Amino acid sequence: AATPTALSIDEDAVFAQIAATLRELPDAGLEDAEISRET
């Protein structure tokens, strides 16, 4: 459900998933980081 399908593959959906993944990186301290496309 979290992985974009062929119908929903767009940069915004992928960006949101990558930002969420970055926030979950162990020991990176990004849990509350503001992440934009320009980050």
ModelCIF file with pLDDT and N, C-alpha, C, O atoms, coordinates in Angstrom:
data_MODEL
#
_entry.id   MODEL 
#
_entity.id                         1 
_entity.type                       polymer 
_entity.pdbx_number_of_molecules   1 
#
_entity_poly.entity_id                      1 
_entity_poly.type                           'polypeptide(L)' 
_entity_poly.nstd_linkage                   no 
_entity_poly.nstd_monomer                   no 
_entity_poly.pdbx_seq_one_letter_code       AATPTALSIDEDAVFAQIAATLRELPDAGLEDAEISRET 
_entity_poly.pdbx_seq_one_letter_code_can   AATPTALSIDEDAVFAQIAATLRELPDAGLEDAEISRET 
_entity_poly.pdbx_strand_id                 A 
#
loop_
_entity_poly_seq.entity_id 
_entity_poly_seq.num 
_entity_poly_seq.mon_id 
_entity_poly_seq.hetero 
1 1  ALA n 
1 2  ALA n 
1 3  THR n 
1 4  PRO n 
1 5  THR n 
1 6  ALA n 
1 7  LEU n 
1 8  SER n 
1 9  ILE n 
1 10 ASP n 
1 11 GLU n 
1 12 ASP n 
1 13 ALA n 
1 14 VAL n 
1 15 PHE n 
1 16 ALA n 
1 17 GLN n 
1 18 ILE n 
1 19 ALA n 
1 20 ALA n 
1 21 THR n 
1 22 LEU n 
1 23 ARG n 
1 24 GLU n 
1 25 LEU n 
1 26 PRO n 
1 27 ASP n 
1 28 ALA n 
1 29 GLY n 
1 30 LEU n 
1 31 GLU n 
1 32 ASP n 
1 33 ALA n 
1 34 GLU n 
1 35 ILE n 
1 36 SER n 
1 37 ARG n 
1 38 GLU n 
1 39 THR n 
#
_struct_asym.id          A 
_struct_asym.entity_id   1 
#
loop_
_ma_qa_metric.id 
_ma_qa_metric.mode 
_ma_qa_metric.name 
_ma_qa_metric.software_group_id 
_ma_qa_metric.type 
1 global pLDDT . pLDDT 
2 local  pLDDT . pLDDT 
#
_ma_qa_metric_global.metric_id      1 
_ma_qa_metric_global.metric_value   83.90 
_ma_qa_metric_global.model_id       1 
_ma_qa_metric_global.ordinal_id     1 
#
loop_
_ma_qa_metric_local.label_asym_id 
_ma_qa_metric_local.label_comp_id 
_ma_qa_metric_local.label_seq_id 
_ma_qa_metric_local.metric_id 
_ma_qa_metric_local.metric_value 
_ma_qa_metric_local.model_id 
_ma_qa_metric_local.ordinal_id 
A ALA 1  2 43.00 1 1  
A ALA 2  2 49.00 1 2  
A THR 3  2 51.00 1 3  
A PRO 4  2 49.00 1 4  
A THR 5  2 48.00 1 5  
A ALA 6  2 46.00 1 6  
A LEU 7  2 44.00 1 7  
A SER 8  2 53.00 1 8  
A ILE 9  2 77.00 1 9  
A ASP 10 2 78.00 1 10 
A GLU 11 2 80.00 1 11 
A ASP 12 2 89.00 1 12 
A ALA 13 2 91.00 1 13 
A VAL 14 2 95.00 1 14 
A PHE 15 2 96.00 1 15 
A ALA 16 2 96.00 1 16 
A GLN 17 2 96.00 1 17 
A ILE 18 2 97.00 1 18 
A ALA 19 2 97.00 1 19 
A ALA 20 2 96.00 1 20 
A THR 21 2 96.00 1 21 
A LEU 22 2 97.00 1 22 
A ARG 23 2 96.00 1 23 
A GLU 24 2 93.00 1 24 
A LEU 25 2 94.00 1 25 
A PRO 26 2 91.00 1 26 
A ASP 27 2 88.00 1 27 
A ALA 28 2 92.00 1 28 
A GLY 29 2 93.00 1 29 
A LEU 30 2 96.00 1 30 
A GLU 31 2 95.00 1 31 
A ASP 32 2 94.00 1 32 
A ALA 33 2 94.00 1 33 
A GLU 34 2 96.00 1 34 
A ILE 35 2 97.00 1 35 
A SER 36 2 97.00 1 36 
A ARG 37 2 97.00 1 37 
A GLU 38 2 97.00 1 38 
A THR 39 2 98.00 1 39 
#
loop_
_atom_site.group_PDB 
_atom_site.id 
_atom_site.type_symbol 
_atom_site.label_atom_id 
_atom_site.label_alt_id 
_atom_site.label_comp_id 
_atom_site.label_asym_id 
_atom_site.label_entity_id 
_atom_site.label_seq_id 
_atom_site.pdbx_PDB_ins_code 
_atom_site.Cartn_x 
_atom_site.Cartn_y 
_atom_site.Cartn_z 
_atom_site.occupancy 
_atom_site.B_iso_or_equiv 
_atom_site.pdbx_formal_charge 
_atom_site.auth_seq_id 
_atom_site.auth_comp_id 
_atom_site.auth_asym_id 
_atom_site.auth_atom_id 
_atom_site.pdbx_PDB_model_num 
ATOM 1   N N  . ALA A 1 1  ? 0.819  -1.205 0.000   1.00 43.00 ? 1  ALA A N  1 
ATOM 2   C CA . ALA A 1 1  ? 0.000  0.000  0.000   1.00 43.00 ? 1  ALA A CA 1 
ATOM 3   C C  . ALA A 1 1  ? 0.857  1.260  0.000   1.00 43.00 ? 1  ALA A C  1 
ATOM 4   O O  . ALA A 1 1  ? 0.430  2.300  -0.502  1.00 43.00 ? 1  ALA A O  1 
ATOM 5   N N  . ALA A 1 2  ? 2.058  1.175  0.557   1.00 49.00 ? 2  ALA A N  1 
ATOM 6   C CA . ALA A 1 2  ? 2.931  2.344  0.624   1.00 49.00 ? 2  ALA A CA 1 
ATOM 7   C C  . ALA A 1 2  ? 3.769  2.507  -0.631  1.00 49.00 ? 2  ALA A C  1 
ATOM 8   O O  . ALA A 1 2  ? 4.352  3.571  -0.841  1.00 49.00 ? 2  ALA A O  1 
ATOM 9   N N  . THR A 1 3  ? 3.846  1.487  -1.468  1.00 51.00 ? 3  THR A N  1 
ATOM 10  C CA . THR A 1 3  ? 4.652  1.539  -2.667  1.00 51.00 ? 3  THR A CA 1 
ATOM 11  C C  . THR A 1 3  ? 3.804  2.038  -3.827  1.00 51.00 ? 3  THR A C  1 
ATOM 12  O O  . THR A 1 3  ? 2.744  1.474  -4.100  1.00 51.00 ? 3  THR A O  1 
ATOM 13  N N  . PRO A 1 4  ? 4.253  3.094  -4.520  1.00 49.00 ? 4  PRO A N  1 
ATOM 14  C CA . PRO A 1 4  ? 3.474  3.608  -5.639  1.00 49.00 ? 4  PRO A CA 1 
ATOM 15  C C  . PRO A 1 4  ? 3.274  2.543  -6.714  1.00 49.00 ? 4  PRO A C  1 
ATOM 16  O O  . PRO A 1 4  ? 4.197  1.788  -7.018  1.00 49.00 ? 4  PRO A O  1 
ATOM 17  N N  . THR A 1 5  ? 2.080  2.478  -7.287  1.00 48.00 ? 5  THR A N  1 
ATOM 18  C CA . THR A 1 5  ? 1.799  1.560  -8.375  1.00 48.00 ? 5  THR A CA 1 
ATOM 19  C C  . THR A 1 5  ? 2.000  2.281  -9.691  1.00 48.00 ? 5  THR A C  1 
ATOM 20  O O  . THR A 1 5  ? 2.290  3.477  -9.715  1.00 48.00 ? 5  THR A O  1 
ATOM 21  N N  . ALA A 1 6  ? 1.845  1.555  -10.782 1.00 46.00 ? 6  ALA A N  1 
ATOM 22  C CA . ALA A 1 6  ? 2.039  2.149  -12.104 1.00 46.00 ? 6  ALA A CA 1 
ATOM 23  C C  . ALA A 1 6  ? 1.129  3.351  -12.309 1.00 46.00 ? 6  ALA A C  1 
ATOM 24  O O  . ALA A 1 6  ? 1.511  4.320  -12.965 1.00 46.00 ? 6  ALA A O  1 
ATOM 25  N N  . LEU A 1 7  ? -0.092 3.287  -11.741 1.00 44.00 ? 7  LEU A N  1 
ATOM 26  C CA . LEU A 1 7  ? -1.025 4.386  -11.924 1.00 44.00 ? 7  LEU A CA 1 
ATOM 27  C C  . LEU A 1 7  ? -0.681 5.598  -11.069 1.00 44.00 ? 7  LEU A C  1 
ATOM 28  O O  . LEU A 1 7  ? -1.074 6.718  -11.393 1.00 44.00 ? 7  LEU A O  1 
ATOM 29  N N  . SER A 1 8  ? 0.055  5.380  -9.973  1.00 53.00 ? 8  SER A N  1 
ATOM 30  C CA . SER A 1 8  ? 0.320  6.493  -9.060  1.00 53.00 ? 8  SER A CA 1 
ATOM 31  C C  . SER A 1 8  ? 1.779  6.925  -9.039  1.00 53.00 ? 8  SER A C  1 
ATOM 32  O O  . SER A 1 8  ? 2.178  7.711  -8.180  1.00 53.00 ? 8  SER A O  1 
ATOM 33  N N  . ILE A 1 9  ? 2.576  6.424  -9.973  1.00 77.00 ? 9  ILE A N  1 
ATOM 34  C CA . ILE A 1 9  ? 3.985  6.792  -9.977  1.00 77.00 ? 9  ILE A CA 1 
ATOM 35  C C  . ILE A 1 9  ? 4.109  8.240  -10.439 1.00 77.00 ? 9  ILE A C  1 
ATOM 36  O O  . ILE A 1 9  ? 3.963  8.549  -11.621 1.00 77.00 ? 9  ILE A O  1 
ATOM 37  N N  . ASP A 1 10 ? 4.378  9.102  -9.494  1.00 78.00 ? 10 ASP A N  1 
ATOM 38  C CA . ASP A 1 10 ? 4.695  10.481 -9.813  1.00 78.00 ? 10 ASP A CA 1 
ATOM 39  C C  . ASP A 1 10 ? 5.717  10.957 -8.787  1.00 78.00 ? 10 ASP A C  1 
ATOM 40  O O  . ASP A 1 10 ? 5.880  10.355 -7.725  1.00 78.00 ? 10 ASP A O  1 
ATOM 41  N N  . GLU A 1 11 ? 6.381  12.015 -9.114  1.00 80.00 ? 11 GLU A N  1 
ATOM 42  C CA . GLU A 1 11 ? 7.467  12.498 -8.272  1.00 80.00 ? 11 GLU A CA 1 
ATOM 43  C C  . GLU A 1 11 ? 6.998  12.859 -6.871  1.00 80.00 ? 11 GLU A C  1 
ATOM 44  O O  . GLU A 1 11 ? 7.736  12.650 -5.908  1.00 80.00 ? 11 GLU A O  1 
ATOM 45  N N  . ASP A 1 12 ? 5.784  13.398 -6.733  1.00 89.00 ? 12 ASP A N  1 
ATOM 46  C CA . ASP A 1 12 ? 5.289  13.798 -5.414  1.00 89.00 ? 12 ASP A CA 1 
ATOM 47  C C  . ASP A 1 12 ? 5.055  12.596 -4.506  1.00 89.00 ? 12 ASP A C  1 
ATOM 48  O O  . ASP A 1 12 ? 5.409  12.627 -3.327  1.00 89.00 ? 12 ASP A O  1 
ATOM 49  N N  . ALA A 1 13 ? 4.457  11.536 -5.054  1.00 91.00 ? 13 ALA A N  1 
ATOM 50  C CA . ALA A 1 13 ? 4.212  10.326 -4.258  1.00 91.00 ? 13 ALA A CA 1 
ATOM 51  C C  . ALA A 1 13 ? 5.529  9.678  -3.862  1.00 91.00 ? 13 ALA A C  1 
ATOM 52  O O  . ALA A 1 13 ? 5.701  9.255  -2.719  1.00 91.00 ? 13 ALA A O  1 
ATOM 53  N N  . VAL A 1 14 ? 6.451  9.602  -4.799  1.00 95.00 ? 14 VAL A N  1 
ATOM 54  C CA . VAL A 1 14 ? 7.755  9.004  -4.512  1.00 95.00 ? 14 VAL A CA 1 
ATOM 55  C C  . VAL A 1 14 ? 8.512  9.873  -3.522  1.00 95.00 ? 14 VAL A C  1 
ATOM 56  O O  . VAL A 1 14 ? 9.141  9.356  -2.598  1.00 95.00 ? 14 VAL A O  1 
ATOM 57  N N  . PHE A 1 15 ? 8.458  11.196 -3.706  1.00 96.00 ? 15 PHE A N  1 
ATOM 58  C CA . PHE A 1 15 ? 9.124  12.094 -2.772  1.00 96.00 ? 15 PHE A CA 1 
ATOM 59  C C  . PHE A 1 15 ? 8.613  11.872 -1.348  1.00 96.00 ? 15 PHE A C  1 
ATOM 60  O O  . PHE A 1 15 ? 9.409  11.763 -0.416  1.00 96.00 ? 15 PHE A O  1 
ATOM 61  N N  . ALA A 1 16 ? 7.305  11.806 -1.177  1.00 96.00 ? 16 ALA A N  1 
ATOM 62  C CA . ALA A 1 16 ? 6.729  11.615 0.157   1.00 96.00 ? 16 ALA A CA 1 
ATOM 63  C C  . ALA A 1 16 ? 7.216  10.318 0.789   1.00 96.00 ? 16 ALA A C  1 
ATOM 64  O O  . ALA A 1 16 ? 7.490  10.272 1.988   1.00 96.00 ? 16 ALA A O  1 
ATOM 65  N N  . GLN A 1 17 ? 7.322  9.277  -0.007  1.00 96.00 ? 17 GLN A N  1 
ATOM 66  C CA . GLN A 1 17 ? 7.786  7.997  0.520   1.00 96.00 ? 17 GLN A CA 1 
ATOM 67  C C  . GLN A 1 17 ? 9.273  8.066  0.887   1.00 96.00 ? 17 GLN A C  1 
ATOM 68  O O  . GLN A 1 17 ? 9.680  7.520  1.913   1.00 96.00 ? 17 GLN A O  1 
ATOM 69  N N  . ILE A 1 18 ? 10.071 8.719  0.075   1.00 97.00 ? 18 ILE A N  1 
ATOM 70  C CA . ILE A 1 18 ? 11.496 8.857  0.372   1.00 97.00 ? 18 ILE A CA 1 
ATOM 71  C C  . ILE A 1 18 ? 11.701 9.706  1.620   1.00 97.00 ? 18 ILE A C  1 
ATOM 72  O O  . ILE A 1 18 ? 12.534 9.374  2.463   1.00 97.00 ? 18 ILE A O  1 
ATOM 73  N N  . ALA A 1 19 ? 10.954 10.793 1.748   1.00 97.00 ? 19 ALA A N  1 
ATOM 74  C CA . ALA A 1 19 ? 11.064 11.645 2.943   1.00 97.00 ? 19 ALA A CA 1 
ATOM 75  C C  . ALA A 1 19 ? 10.722 10.836 4.192   1.00 97.00 ? 19 ALA A C  1 
ATOM 76  O O  . ALA A 1 19 ? 11.401 10.952 5.213   1.00 97.00 ? 19 ALA A O  1 
ATOM 77  N N  . ALA A 1 20 ? 9.683  10.025 4.115   1.00 96.00 ? 20 ALA A N  1 
ATOM 78  C CA . ALA A 1 20 ? 9.304  9.182  5.257   1.00 96.00 ? 20 ALA A CA 1 
ATOM 79  C C  . ALA A 1 20 ? 10.405 8.168  5.560   1.00 96.00 ? 20 ALA A C  1 
ATOM 80  O O  . ALA A 1 20 ? 10.703 7.908  6.726   1.00 96.00 ? 20 ALA A O  1 
ATOM 81  N N  . THR A 1 21 ? 10.999 7.607  4.541   1.00 96.00 ? 21 THR A N  1 
ATOM 82  C CA . THR A 1 21 ? 12.085 6.641  4.721   1.00 96.00 ? 21 THR A CA 1 
ATOM 83  C C  . THR A 1 21 ? 13.293 7.314  5.363   1.00 96.00 ? 21 THR A C  1 
ATOM 84  O O  . THR A 1 21 ? 13.926 6.739  6.248   1.00 96.00 ? 21 THR A O  1 
ATOM 85  N N  . LEU A 1 22 ? 13.617 8.529  4.923   1.00 97.00 ? 22 LEU A N  1 
ATOM 86  C CA . LEU A 1 22 ? 14.739 9.264  5.512   1.00 97.00 ? 22 LEU A CA 1 
ATOM 87  C C  . LEU A 1 22 ? 14.515 9.514  6.999   1.00 97.00 ? 22 LEU A C  1 
ATOM 88  O O  . LEU A 1 22 ? 15.445 9.412  7.800   1.00 97.00 ? 22 LEU A O  1 
ATOM 89  N N  . ARG A 1 23 ? 13.292 9.837  7.359   1.00 96.00 ? 23 ARG A N  1 
ATOM 90  C CA . ARG A 1 23 ? 12.979 10.094 8.768   1.00 96.00 ? 23 ARG A CA 1 
ATOM 91  C C  . ARG A 1 23 ? 13.129 8.836  9.627   1.00 96.00 ? 23 ARG A C  1 
ATOM 92  O O  . ARG A 1 23 ? 13.301 8.926  10.842  1.00 96.00 ? 23 ARG A O  1 
ATOM 93  N N  . GLU A 1 24 ? 13.062 7.673  8.995   1.00 93.00 ? 24 GLU A N  1 
ATOM 94  C CA . GLU A 1 24 ? 13.175 6.407  9.716   1.00 93.00 ? 24 GLU A CA 1 
ATOM 95  C C  . GLU A 1 24 ? 14.599 5.844  9.733   1.00 93.00 ? 24 GLU A C  1 
ATOM 96  O O  . GLU A 1 24 ? 14.835 4.792  10.326  1.00 93.00 ? 24 GLU A O  1 
ATOM 97  N N  . LEU A 1 25 ? 15.545 6.527  9.096   1.00 94.00 ? 25 LEU A N  1 
ATOM 98  C CA . LEU A 1 25 ? 16.928 6.034  9.090   1.00 94.00 ? 25 LEU A CA 1 
ATOM 99  C C  . LEU A 1 25 ? 17.445 5.925  10.522  1.00 94.00 ? 25 LEU A C  1 
ATOM 100 O O  . LEU A 1 25 ? 17.381 6.892  11.281  1.00 94.00 ? 25 LEU A O  1 
ATOM 101 N N  . PRO A 1 26 ? 17.952 4.763  10.890  1.00 91.00 ? 26 PRO A N  1 
ATOM 102 C CA . PRO A 1 26 ? 18.477 4.606  12.251  1.00 91.00 ? 26 PRO A CA 1 
ATOM 103 C C  . PRO A 1 26 ? 19.655 5.543  12.507  1.00 91.00 ? 26 PRO A C  1 
ATOM 104 O O  . PRO A 1 26 ? 20.530 5.692  11.654  1.00 91.00 ? 26 PRO A O  1 
ATOM 105 N N  . ASP A 1 27 ? 19.676 6.153  13.640  1.00 88.00 ? 27 ASP A N  1 
ATOM 106 C CA . ASP A 1 27 ? 20.783 6.991  14.113  1.00 88.00 ? 27 ASP A CA 1 
ATOM 107 C C  . ASP A 1 27 ? 21.053 8.238  13.277  1.00 88.00 ? 27 ASP A C  1 
ATOM 108 O O  . ASP A 1 27 ? 22.075 8.895  13.476  1.00 88.00 ? 27 ASP A O  1 
ATOM 109 N N  . ALA A 1 28 ? 20.164 8.579  12.346  1.00 92.00 ? 28 ALA A N  1 
ATOM 110 C CA . ALA A 1 28 ? 20.378 9.774  11.527  1.00 92.00 ? 28 ALA A CA 1 
ATOM 111 C C  . ALA A 1 28 ? 19.785 11.019 12.188  1.00 92.00 ? 28 ALA A C  1 
ATOM 112 O O  . ALA A 1 28 ? 20.145 12.140 11.829  1.00 92.00 ? 28 ALA A O  1 
ATOM 113 N N  . GLY A 1 29 ? 18.884 10.829 13.148  1.00 93.00 ? 29 GLY A N  1 
ATOM 114 C CA . GLY A 1 29 ? 18.292 11.961 13.847  1.00 93.00 ? 29 GLY A CA 1 
ATOM 115 C C  . GLY A 1 29 ? 17.378 12.816 12.994  1.00 93.00 ? 29 GLY A C  1 
ATOM 116 O O  . GLY A 1 29 ? 17.284 14.024 13.210  1.00 93.00 ? 29 GLY A O  1 
ATOM 117 N N  . LEU A 1 30 ? 16.704 12.213 12.034  1.00 96.00 ? 30 LEU A N  1 
ATOM 118 C CA . LEU A 1 30 ? 15.869 12.978 11.108  1.00 96.00 ? 30 LEU A CA 1 
ATOM 119 C C  . LEU A 1 30 ? 14.374 12.832 11.382  1.00 96.00 ? 30 LEU A C  1 
ATOM 120 O O  . LEU A 1 30 ? 13.552 13.216 10.551  1.00 96.00 ? 30 LEU A O  1 
ATOM 121 N N  . GLU A 1 31 ? 14.022 12.286 12.531  1.00 95.00 ? 31 GLU A N  1 
ATOM 122 C CA . GLU A 1 31 ? 12.617 12.001 12.832  1.00 95.00 ? 31 GLU A CA 1 
ATOM 123 C C  . GLU A 1 31 ? 11.720 13.220 12.644  1.00 95.00 ? 31 GLU A C  1 
ATOM 124 O O  . GLU A 1 31 ? 10.606 13.092 12.135  1.00 95.00 ? 31 GLU A O  1 
ATOM 125 N N  . ASP A 1 32 ? 12.180 14.380 13.041  1.00 94.00 ? 32 ASP A N  1 
ATOM 126 C CA . ASP A 1 32 ? 11.380 15.600 12.959  1.00 94.00 ? 32 ASP A CA 1 
ATOM 127 C C  . ASP A 1 32 ? 11.891 16.573 11.896  1.00 94.00 ? 32 ASP A C  1 
ATOM 128 O O  . ASP A 1 32 ? 11.495 17.738 11.879  1.00 94.00 ? 32 ASP A O  1 
ATOM 129 N N  . ALA A 1 33 ? 12.759 16.104 11.019  1.00 94.00 ? 33 ALA A N  1 
ATOM 130 C CA . ALA A 1 33 ? 13.365 16.980 10.013  1.00 94.00 ? 33 ALA A CA 1 
ATOM 131 C C  . ALA A 1 33 ? 12.341 17.450 8.993   1.00 94.00 ? 33 ALA A C  1 
ATOM 132 O O  . ALA A 1 33 ? 11.481 16.688 8.553   1.00 94.00 ? 33 ALA A O  1 
ATOM 133 N N  . GLU A 1 34 ? 12.450 18.717 8.629   1.00 96.00 ? 34 GLU A N  1 
ATOM 134 C CA . GLU A 1 34 ? 11.661 19.237 7.519   1.00 96.00 ? 34 GLU A CA 1 
ATOM 135 C C  . GLU A 1 34 ? 12.418 18.889 6.247   1.00 96.00 ? 34 GLU A C  1 
ATOM 136 O O  . GLU A 1 34 ? 13.563 19.301 6.058   1.00 96.00 ? 34 GLU A O  1 
ATOM 137 N N  . ILE A 1 35 ? 11.781 18.143 5.397   1.00 97.00 ? 35 ILE A N  1 
ATOM 138 C CA . ILE A 1 35 ? 12.417 17.682 4.168   1.00 97.00 ? 35 ILE A CA 1 
ATOM 139 C C  . ILE A 1 35 ? 11.581 18.156 2.991   1.00 97.00 ? 35 ILE A C  1 
ATOM 140 O O  . ILE A 1 35 ? 10.392 17.853 2.890   1.00 97.00 ? 35 ILE A O  1 
ATOM 141 N N  . SER A 1 36 ? 12.226 18.905 2.100   1.00 97.00 ? 36 SER A N  1 
ATOM 142 C CA . SER A 1 36 ? 11.566 19.373 0.884   1.00 97.00 ? 36 SER A CA 1 
ATOM 143 C C  . SER A 1 36 ? 12.308 18.794 -0.314  1.00 97.00 ? 36 SER A C  1 
ATOM 144 O O  . SER A 1 36 ? 13.327 18.119 -0.161  1.00 97.00 ? 36 SER A O  1 
ATOM 145 N N  . ARG A 1 37 ? 11.793 19.061 -1.490  1.00 97.00 ? 37 ARG A N  1 
ATOM 146 C CA . ARG A 1 37 ? 12.468 18.583 -2.710  1.00 97.00 ? 37 ARG A CA 1 
ATOM 147 C C  . ARG A 1 37 ? 13.855 19.220 -2.841  1.00 97.00 ? 37 ARG A C  1 
ATOM 148 O O  . ARG A 1 37 ? 14.746 18.638 -3.460  1.00 97.00 ? 37 ARG A O  1 
ATOM 149 N N  . GLU A 1 38 ? 14.045 20.413 -2.262  1.00 97.00 ? 38 GLU A N  1 
ATOM 150 C CA . GLU A 1 38 ? 15.322 21.120 -2.375  1.00 97.00 ? 38 GLU A CA 1 
ATOM 151 C C  . GLU A 1 38 ? 16.307 20.757 -1.265  1.00 97.00 ? 38 GLU A C  1 
ATOM 152 O O  . GLU A 1 38 ? 17.442 21.234 -1.271  1.00 97.00 ? 38 GLU A O  1 
ATOM 153 N N  . THR A 1 39 ? 15.896 19.932 -0.325  1.00 98.00 ? 39 THR A N  1 
ATOM 154 C CA . THR A 1 39 ? 16.767 19.551 0.785   1.00 98.00 ? 39 THR A CA 1 
ATOM 155 C C  . THR A 1 39 ? 17.981 18.792 0.260   1.00 98.00 ? 39 THR A C  1 
ATOM 156 O O  . THR A 1 39 ? 18.839 18.383 1.042   1.00 98.00 ? 39 THR A O  1 
#
